[in-house]
PDB file of N, CA and C in Angstrom:
ATOM      1  N   UNK A   1     -71.025  21.327  99.108  1.00  0.00           N
ATOM      2  CA  UNK A   1     -71.283  21.061  97.708  1.00  0.00           C
ATOM      3  C   UNK A   1     -70.261  21.825  96.865  1.00  0.00           C
ATOM      4  N   UNK A   2     -69.688  21.162  95.879  1.00  0.00           N
ATOM      5  CA  UNK A   2     -68.706  21.777  95.004  1.00  0.00           C
ATOM      6  C   UNK A   2     -69.406  22.421  93.818  1.00  0.00           C
ATOM      7  N   UNK A   3     -69.042  23.668  93.525  1.00  0.00           N
ATOM      8  CA  UNK A   3     -69.611  24.357  92.371  1.00  0.00           C
ATOM      9  C   UNK A   3     -68.797  24.012  91.131  1.00  0.00           C
ATOM     10  N   UNK A   4     -69.483  23.719  90.034  1.00  0.00           N
ATOM     11  CA  UNK A   4     -68.821  23.332  88.793  1.00  0.00           C
ATOM     12  C   UNK A   4     -69.079  24.398  87.745  1.00  0.00           C
ATOM     13  N   UNK A   5     -68.063  24.721  86.952  1.00  0.00           N
ATOM     14  CA  UNK A   5     -68.258  25.659  85.849  1.00  0.00           C
ATOM     15  C   UNK A   5     -67.474  25.189  84.634  1.00  0.00           C
ATOM     16  N   UNK A   6     -67.972  25.528  83.465  1.00  0.00           N
ATOM     17  CA  UNK A   6     -67.304  25.185  82.216  1.00  0.00           C
ATOM     18  C   UNK A   6     -66.173  26.177  81.969  1.00  0.00           C
ATOM     19  N   UNK A   7     -65.186  25.801  81.149  1.00  0.00           N
ATOM     20  CA  UNK A   7     -64.070  26.718  80.883  1.00  0.00           C
ATOM     21  C   UNK A   7     -64.534  27.959  80.122  1.00  0.00           C
ATOM     22  N   UNK A   8     -63.921  29.099  80.433  1.00  0.00           N
ATOM     23  CA  UNK A   8     -64.207  30.350  79.732  1.00  0.00           C
ATOM     24  C   UNK A   8     -63.679  30.279  78.311  1.00  0.00           C
ATOM     25  N   UNK A   9     -64.398  30.899  77.386  1.00  0.00           N
ATOM     26  CA  UNK A   9     -63.945  30.990  76.003  1.00  0.00           C
ATOM     27  C   UNK A   9     -62.768  31.956  75.951  1.00  0.00           C
ATOM     28  N   UNK A  10     -61.659  31.516  75.392  1.00  0.00           N
ATOM     29  CA  UNK A  10     -60.465  32.354  75.292  1.00  0.00           C
ATOM     30  C   UNK A  10     -60.547  33.325  74.114  1.00  0.00           C
ATOM     31  N   UNK A  11     -61.539  33.149  73.237  1.00  0.00           N
ATOM     32  CA  UNK A  11     -61.692  34.040  72.082  1.00  0.00           C
ATOM     33  C   UNK A  11     -62.445  35.307  72.479  1.00  0.00           C
ATOM     34  N   UNK A  12     -63.639  35.156  73.071  1.00  0.00           N
ATOM     35  CA  UNK A  12     -64.440  36.333  73.421  1.00  0.00           C
ATOM     36  C   UNK A  12     -64.285  36.741  74.882  1.00  0.00           C
ATOM     37  N   UNK A  13     -63.924  35.806  75.735  1.00  0.00           N
ATOM     38  CA  UNK A  13     -63.732  36.107  77.149  1.00  0.00           C
ATOM     39  C   UNK A  13     -65.007  36.201  77.962  1.00  0.00           C
ATOM     40  N   UNK A  14     -66.171  36.111  77.328  1.00  0.00           N
ATOM     41  CA  UNK A  14     -67.424  36.216  78.081  1.00  0.00           C
ATOM     42  C   UNK A  14     -68.217  34.918  78.100  1.00  0.00           C
ATOM     43  N   UNK A  15     -68.146  34.149  77.029  1.00  0.00           N
ATOM     44  CA  UNK A  15     -68.896  32.893  76.956  1.00  0.00           C
ATOM     45  C   UNK A  15     -68.162  31.757  77.643  1.00  0.00           C
ATOM     46  N   UNK A  16     -68.867  30.651  77.799  1.00  0.00           N
ATOM     47  CA  UNK A  16     -68.276  29.426  78.328  1.00  0.00           C
ATOM     48  C   UNK A  16     -68.242  28.393  77.215  1.00  0.00           C
ATOM     49  N   UNK A  17     -67.228  27.531  77.232  1.00  0.00           N
ATOM     50  CA  UNK A  17     -67.161  26.450  76.258  1.00  0.00           C
ATOM     51  C   UNK A  17     -68.020  25.293  76.756  1.00  0.00           C
ATOM     52  N   UNK A  18     -69.038  24.953  75.978  1.00  0.00           N
ATOM     53  CA  UNK A  18     -69.974  23.899  76.351  1.00  0.00           C
ATOM     54  C   UNK A  18     -69.671  22.643  75.553  1.00  0.00           C
ATOM     55  N   UNK A  19     -69.589  21.486  76.217  1.00  0.00           N
ATOM     56  CA  UNK A  19     -69.275  20.246  75.505  1.00  0.00           C
ATOM     57  C   UNK A  19     -70.503  19.678  74.798  1.00  0.00           C
ATOM     58  N   UNK A  20     -70.257  19.092  73.642  1.00  0.00           N
ATOM     59  CA  UNK A  20     -71.306  18.417  72.885  1.00  0.00           C
ATOM     60  C   UNK A  20     -70.877  16.976  72.655  1.00  0.00           C
ATOM     61  N   UNK A  21     -71.830  16.080  72.653  1.00  0.00           N
ATOM     62  CA  UNK A  21     -71.553  14.663  72.433  1.00  0.00           C
ATOM     63  C   UNK A  21     -72.232  14.210  71.150  1.00  0.00           C
ATOM     64  N   UNK A  22     -71.839  13.044  70.673  1.00  0.00           N
ATOM     65  CA  UNK A  22     -72.390  12.500  69.434  1.00  0.00           C
ATOM     66  C   UNK A  22     -72.333  10.986  69.532  1.00  0.00           C
ATOM     67  N   UNK A  23     -72.700  10.318  68.468  1.00  0.00           N
ATOM     68  CA  UNK A  23     -72.606   8.872  68.395  1.00  0.00           C
ATOM     69  C   UNK A  23     -71.678   8.496  67.255  1.00  0.00           C
ATOM     70  N   UNK A  24     -70.836   7.491  67.472  1.00  0.00           N
ATOM     71  CA  UNK A  24     -69.911   7.015  66.453  1.00  0.00           C
ATOM     72  C   UNK A  24     -70.615   6.160  65.416  1.00  0.00           C
ATOM     73  N   UNK A  25     -69.852   5.670  64.448  1.00  0.00           N
ATOM     74  CA  UNK A  25     -70.403   4.864  63.355  1.00  0.00           C
ATOM     75  C   UNK A  25     -71.094   3.602  63.842  1.00  0.00           C
ATOM     76  N   UNK A  26     -70.606   3.034  64.944  1.00  0.00           N
ATOM     77  CA  UNK A  26     -71.183   1.803  65.482  1.00  0.00           C
ATOM     78  C   UNK A  26     -72.281   2.069  66.512  1.00  0.00           C
ATOM     79  N   UNK A  27     -72.621   3.339  66.732  1.00  0.00           N
ATOM     80  CA  UNK A  27     -73.677   3.691  67.664  1.00  0.00           C
ATOM     81  C   UNK A  27     -73.216   3.956  69.086  1.00  0.00           C
ATOM     82  N   UNK A  28     -71.903   3.859  69.334  1.00  0.00           N
ATOM     83  CA  UNK A  28     -71.385   4.112  70.680  1.00  0.00           C
ATOM     84  C   UNK A  28     -71.317   5.620  70.940  1.00  0.00           C
ATOM     85  N   UNK A  29     -71.594   6.011  72.166  1.00  0.00           N
ATOM     86  CA  UNK A  29     -71.536   7.424  72.532  1.00  0.00           C
ATOM     87  C   UNK A  29     -70.100   7.937  72.493  1.00  0.00           C
ATOM     88  N   UNK A  30     -69.928   9.129  71.928  1.00  0.00           N
ATOM     89  CA  UNK A  30     -68.629   9.804  71.908  1.00  0.00           C
ATOM     90  C   UNK A  30     -68.815  11.094  72.699  1.00  0.00           C
ATOM     91  N   UNK A  31     -68.317  11.106  73.938  1.00  0.00           N
ATOM     92  CA  UNK A  31     -68.480  12.266  74.809  1.00  0.00           C
ATOM     93  C   UNK A  31     -67.440  13.327  74.485  1.00  0.00           C
ATOM     94  N   UNK A  32     -67.833  14.569  74.608  1.00  0.00           N
ATOM     95  CA  UNK A  32     -66.948  15.721  74.394  1.00  0.00           C
ATOM     96  C   UNK A  32     -66.326  15.708  73.000  1.00  0.00           C
ATOM     97  N   UNK A  33     -67.132  15.409  71.999  1.00  0.00           N
ATOM     98  CA  UNK A  33     -66.655  15.389  70.616  1.00  0.00           C
ATOM     99  C   UNK A  33     -66.464  16.804  70.086  1.00  0.00           C
ATOM    100  N   UNK A  34     -67.207  17.752  70.628  1.00  0.00           N
ATOM    101  CA  UNK A  34     -67.125  19.136  70.173  1.00  0.00           C
ATOM    102  C   UNK A  34     -67.339  20.065  71.360  1.00  0.00           C
ATOM    103  N   UNK A  35     -66.823  21.273  71.226  1.00  0.00           N
ATOM    104  CA  UNK A  35     -67.022  22.322  72.219  1.00  0.00           C
ATOM    105  C   UNK A  35     -67.447  23.577  71.471  1.00  0.00           C
ATOM    106  N   UNK A  36     -68.431  24.304  72.004  1.00  0.00           N
ATOM    107  CA  UNK A  36     -68.895  25.529  71.360  1.00  0.00           C
ATOM    108  C   UNK A  36     -69.083  26.608  72.425  1.00  0.00           C
ATOM    109  N   UNK A  37     -68.769  27.853  72.041  1.00  0.00           N
ATOM    110  CA  UNK A  37     -68.920  28.981  72.963  1.00  0.00           C
ATOM    111  C   UNK A  37     -70.401  29.292  73.144  1.00  0.00           C
ATOM    112  N   UNK A  38     -70.800  29.573  74.375  1.00  0.00           N
ATOM    113  CA  UNK A  38     -72.201  29.872  74.681  1.00  0.00           C
ATOM    114  C   UNK A  38     -72.610  31.282  74.261  1.00  0.00           C
ATOM    115  N   UNK A  39     -71.652  32.130  73.905  1.00  0.00           N
ATOM    116  CA  UNK A  39     -71.940  33.501  73.479  1.00  0.00           C
ATOM    117  C   UNK A  39     -72.387  33.473  72.014  1.00  0.00           C
ATOM    118  N   UNK A  40     -73.652  33.822  71.709  1.00  0.00           N
ATOM    119  CA  UNK A  40     -74.127  33.747  70.326  1.00  0.00           C
ATOM    120  C   UNK A  40     -73.407  34.701  69.377  1.00  0.00           C
ATOM    121  N   UNK A  41     -72.751  35.723  69.901  1.00  0.00           N
ATOM    122  CA  UNK A  41     -71.988  36.632  69.043  1.00  0.00           C
ATOM    123  C   UNK A  41     -70.603  36.085  68.733  1.00  0.00           C
ATOM    124  N   UNK A  42     -70.165  35.061  69.420  1.00  0.00           N
ATOM    125  CA  UNK A  42     -68.832  34.481  69.227  1.00  0.00           C
ATOM    126  C   UNK A  42     -68.932  33.148  68.492  1.00  0.00           C
ATOM    127  N   UNK A  43     -69.561  32.172  69.128  1.00  0.00           N
ATOM    128  CA  UNK A  43     -69.747  30.823  68.592  1.00  0.00           C
ATOM    129  C   UNK A  43     -68.453  30.130  68.173  1.00  0.00           C
ATOM    130  N   UNK A  44     -67.328  30.479  68.830  1.00  0.00           N
ATOM    131  CA  UNK A  44     -66.091  29.721  68.601  1.00  0.00           C
ATOM    132  C   UNK A  44     -66.401  28.256  68.858  1.00  0.00           C
ATOM    133  N   UNK A  45     -65.841  27.373  68.043  1.00  0.00           N
ATOM    134  CA  UNK A  45     -66.067  25.949  68.257  1.00  0.00           C
ATOM    135  C   UNK A  45     -64.880  25.143  67.791  1.00  0.00           C
ATOM    136  N   UNK A  46     -64.736  23.989  68.404  1.00  0.00           N
ATOM    137  CA  UNK A  46     -63.752  23.022  67.932  1.00  0.00           C
ATOM    138  C   UNK A  46     -64.390  21.653  67.977  1.00  0.00           C
ATOM    139  N   UNK A  47     -64.031  20.846  66.966  1.00  0.00           N
ATOM    140  CA  UNK A  47     -64.609  19.514  66.834  1.00  0.00           C
ATOM    141  C   UNK A  47     -63.500  18.521  66.571  1.00  0.00           C
ATOM    142  N   UNK A  48     -63.687  17.313  67.062  1.00  0.00           N
ATOM    143  CA  UNK A  48     -62.751  16.225  66.795  1.00  0.00           C
ATOM    144  C   UNK A  48     -63.435  15.292  65.806  1.00  0.00           C
ATOM    145  N   UNK A  49     -62.814  15.120  64.647  1.00  0.00           N
ATOM    146  CA  UNK A  49     -63.374  14.261  63.610  1.00  0.00           C
ATOM    147  C   UNK A  49     -62.264  13.382  63.060  1.00  0.00           C
ATOM    148  N   UNK A  50     -62.418  12.079  63.208  1.00  0.00           N
ATOM    149  CA  UNK A  50     -61.413  11.114  62.742  1.00  0.00           C
ATOM    150  C   UNK A  50     -60.025  11.412  63.308  1.00  0.00           C
ATOM    151  N   UNK A  51     -59.975  11.824  64.563  1.00  0.00           N
ATOM    152  CA  UNK A  51     -58.708  12.085  65.225  1.00  0.00           C
ATOM    153  C   UNK A  51     -58.088  13.428  64.896  1.00  0.00           C
ATOM    154  N   UNK A  52     -58.748  14.245  64.080  1.00  0.00           N
ATOM    155  CA  UNK A  52     -58.239  15.569  63.725  1.00  0.00           C
ATOM    156  C   UNK A  52     -59.086  16.640  64.396  1.00  0.00           C
ATOM    157  N   UNK A  53     -58.453  17.746  64.767  1.00  0.00           N
ATOM    158  CA  UNK A  53     -59.152  18.862  65.399  1.00  0.00           C
ATOM    159  C   UNK A  53     -59.512  19.883  64.329  1.00  0.00           C
ATOM    160  N   UNK A  54     -60.785  20.259  64.286  1.00  0.00           N
ATOM    161  CA  UNK A  54     -61.284  21.251  63.331  1.00  0.00           C
ATOM    162  C   UNK A  54     -61.767  22.461  64.119  1.00  0.00           C
ATOM    163  N   UNK A  55     -61.285  23.643  63.759  1.00  0.00           N
ATOM    164  CA  UNK A  55     -61.656  24.874  64.449  1.00  0.00           C
ATOM    165  C   UNK A  55     -62.640  25.686  63.623  1.00  0.00           C
ATOM    166  N   UNK A  56     -63.608  26.288  64.306  1.00  0.00           N
ATOM    167  CA  UNK A  56     -64.569  27.230  63.730  1.00  0.00           C
ATOM    168  C   UNK A  56     -65.267  26.732  62.477  1.00  0.00           C
ATOM    169  N   UNK A  57     -65.797  25.526  62.551  1.00  0.00           N
ATOM    170  CA  UNK A  57     -66.650  25.005  61.488  1.00  0.00           C
ATOM    171  C   UNK A  57     -67.987  25.752  61.567  1.00  0.00           C
ATOM    172  N   UNK A  58     -68.748  25.820  60.474  1.00  0.00           N
ATOM    173  CA  UNK A  58     -70.054  26.497  60.535  1.00  0.00           C
ATOM    174  C   UNK A  58     -70.952  25.869  61.605  1.00  0.00           C
ATOM    175  N   UNK A  59     -71.700  26.712  62.310  1.00  0.00           N
ATOM    176  CA  UNK A  59     -72.611  26.260  63.359  1.00  0.00           C
ATOM    177  C   UNK A  59     -74.036  26.467  62.869  1.00  0.00           C
ATOM    178  N   UNK A  60     -74.832  25.412  62.873  1.00  0.00           N
ATOM    179  CA  UNK A  60     -76.245  25.502  62.509  1.00  0.00           C
ATOM    180  C   UNK A  60     -77.053  25.674  63.783  1.00  0.00           C
ATOM    181  N   UNK A  61     -77.822  26.743  63.849  1.00  0.00           N
ATOM    182  CA  UNK A  61     -78.634  27.022  65.030  1.00  0.00           C
ATOM    183  C   UNK A  61     -80.081  26.689  64.703  1.00  0.00           C
ATOM    184  N   UNK A  62     -80.691  25.871  65.552  1.00  0.00           N
ATOM    185  CA  UNK A  62     -82.067  25.447  65.343  1.00  0.00           C
ATOM    186  C   UNK A  62     -82.861  25.700  66.608  1.00  0.00           C
ATOM    187  N   UNK A  63     -84.134  26.020  66.431  1.00  0.00           N
ATOM    188  CA  UNK A  63     -84.984  26.182  67.608  1.00  0.00           C
ATOM    189  C   UNK A  63     -85.574  24.848  68.046  1.00  0.00           C
ATOM    190  N   UNK A  64     -85.285  23.794  67.288  1.00  0.00           N
ATOM    191  CA  UNK A  64     -85.731  22.461  67.664  1.00  0.00           C
ATOM    192  C   UNK A  64     -87.170  22.154  67.320  1.00  0.00           C
ATOM    193  N   UNK A  65     -87.856  23.074  66.622  1.00  0.00           N
ATOM    194  CA  UNK A  65     -89.275  22.859  66.354  1.00  0.00           C
ATOM    195  C   UNK A  65     -89.537  21.977  65.140  1.00  0.00           C
ATOM    196  N   UNK A  66     -88.604  21.898  64.209  1.00  0.00           N
ATOM    197  CA  UNK A  66     -88.838  21.074  63.025  1.00  0.00           C
ATOM    198  C   UNK A  66     -88.023  19.790  63.115  1.00  0.00           C
ATOM    199  N   UNK A  67     -88.631  18.648  62.815  1.00  0.00           N
ATOM    200  CA  UNK A  67     -87.897  17.379  62.895  1.00  0.00           C
ATOM    201  C   UNK A  67     -86.846  17.278  61.802  1.00  0.00           C
ATOM    202  N   UNK A  68     -85.776  16.576  62.107  1.00  0.00           N
ATOM    203  CA  UNK A  68     -84.701  16.359  61.144  1.00  0.00           C
ATOM    204  C   UNK A  68     -85.034  15.119  60.325  1.00  0.00           C
ATOM    205  N   UNK A  69     -85.035  15.256  59.024  1.00  0.00           N
ATOM    206  CA  UNK A  69     -85.356  14.138  58.137  1.00  0.00           C
ATOM    207  C   UNK A  69     -84.119  13.289  57.917  1.00  0.00           C
ATOM    208  N   UNK A  70     -84.293  11.972  57.916  1.00  0.00           N
ATOM    209  CA  UNK A  70     -83.169  11.048  57.676  1.00  0.00           C
ATOM    210  C   UNK A  70     -83.432  10.214  56.467  1.00  0.00           C
TER     211      UNK A  70
END
């Protein structure tokens, strides 16, 4: 069995970069749209939006207990 690991964060050196996915305007899945460091003291992130790379955008942390209103 092959062991898999996420890339190390180059900013803090302790966290791993975790991929996040989203859905596009037409509802199609967009895999690996963003990456965020797993270290809560670092939270380095990069996002791809409209073909541009955005670094260290604000990160909203939720415990998932309250529903998101649309």
